[in-house]
Protein backbone atom coordinates (compact mmCIF):
# COMPACT_ATOMS: atom_id res chain seq x y z
CA MET A 1 151.68 118.30 56.48
CA PRO A 2 153.27 119.32 53.13
CA PHE A 3 150.81 119.98 50.32
CA GLN A 4 152.67 118.45 47.34
CA PRO A 5 152.82 114.82 48.61
CA THR A 6 149.18 115.01 49.73
CA PHE A 7 148.10 116.42 46.34
CA ALA A 8 150.08 113.71 44.50
CA ALA A 9 148.52 110.98 46.66
CA GLU A 10 145.02 112.28 45.84
CA LEU A 11 145.84 112.39 42.12
CA ASN A 12 147.25 108.84 42.28
CA GLN A 13 143.97 107.60 43.76
CA LEU A 14 142.27 109.09 40.70
CA ALA A 15 144.44 107.17 38.21
CA GLY A 16 142.28 106.16 35.24
CA THR A 17 139.91 109.09 35.72
CA GLN A 18 139.27 111.57 32.93
CA VAL A 19 140.12 115.09 34.06
CA GLU A 20 140.66 118.62 32.89
CA VAL A 21 143.90 120.20 34.14
CA ALA A 22 144.66 123.92 34.10
CA PHE A 23 148.26 125.10 34.24
CA ASP A 24 149.93 128.29 33.05
CA ASN A 25 147.59 129.58 30.31
CA THR A 26 146.55 126.11 29.19
CA ILE A 27 143.62 123.82 29.90
CA THR A 28 144.14 120.24 28.77
CA GLU A 29 141.99 117.14 29.00
CA GLY A 30 143.08 113.54 29.47
CA VAL A 31 143.22 110.50 31.73
CA ILE A 32 145.47 110.46 34.80
CA ALA A 33 148.18 107.83 34.34
CA PHE A 34 150.20 108.50 37.50
CA ALA A 35 151.30 111.20 39.90
CA ASN A 36 154.22 111.59 42.24
CA SER A 37 155.32 114.51 44.38
CA GLY A 38 156.73 116.34 41.35
CA VAL A 39 154.96 115.22 38.17
CA LEU A 40 151.50 114.34 36.87
CA GLY A 41 151.34 111.98 33.87
CA LEU A 42 148.29 112.71 31.74
CA VAL A 43 147.32 110.53 28.73
CA GLN A 44 145.73 112.57 25.96
CA MET A 45 143.97 111.18 22.88
CA THR A 46 145.09 112.85 19.67
CA GLY A 47 142.63 112.99 16.80
CA GLY A 48 143.07 112.51 13.10
CA TYR A 49 143.06 109.52 10.80
CA ALA A 50 145.13 107.40 13.16
CA PRO A 51 144.26 108.39 16.76
CA THR A 52 147.09 107.83 19.22
CA ASN A 53 147.68 108.31 22.92
CA GLN A 54 150.15 111.00 23.95
CA VAL A 55 151.51 111.27 27.49
CA THR A 56 151.93 114.80 28.83
CA PHE A 57 154.04 115.39 31.92
CA ILE A 58 152.93 118.35 34.06
CA ALA A 59 154.79 119.63 37.09
CA THR A 60 152.44 119.44 40.07
CA THR A 61 153.67 122.86 41.22
CA ALA A 62 152.36 124.37 37.95
CA ILE A 63 148.81 122.99 38.27
CA ASP A 64 146.13 125.62 38.95
CA PHE A 65 143.19 123.22 39.21
CA VAL A 66 142.01 119.72 38.33
CA ARG A 67 138.38 119.15 37.31
CA LEU A 68 136.99 115.59 37.32
CA LEU A 69 134.98 114.91 34.16
CA ASN A 70 133.47 111.44 34.63
CA VAL A 71 132.70 110.93 38.28
């Protein structure tokens, strides 16, 4: 069984969950919007005077780990 589709299916089941994702030399925090076999969509809240949501697209092959923050 290939790993990428299984990993994407698990991430899709966690849609709406706040997570911490490590990839390359970066750790980022956000809420999972969607995942498919190639991309994870992560919604991040940007601070400042007018907070906005920013969607970050991360290749699933680049992900080192995913830590669930509000389980």
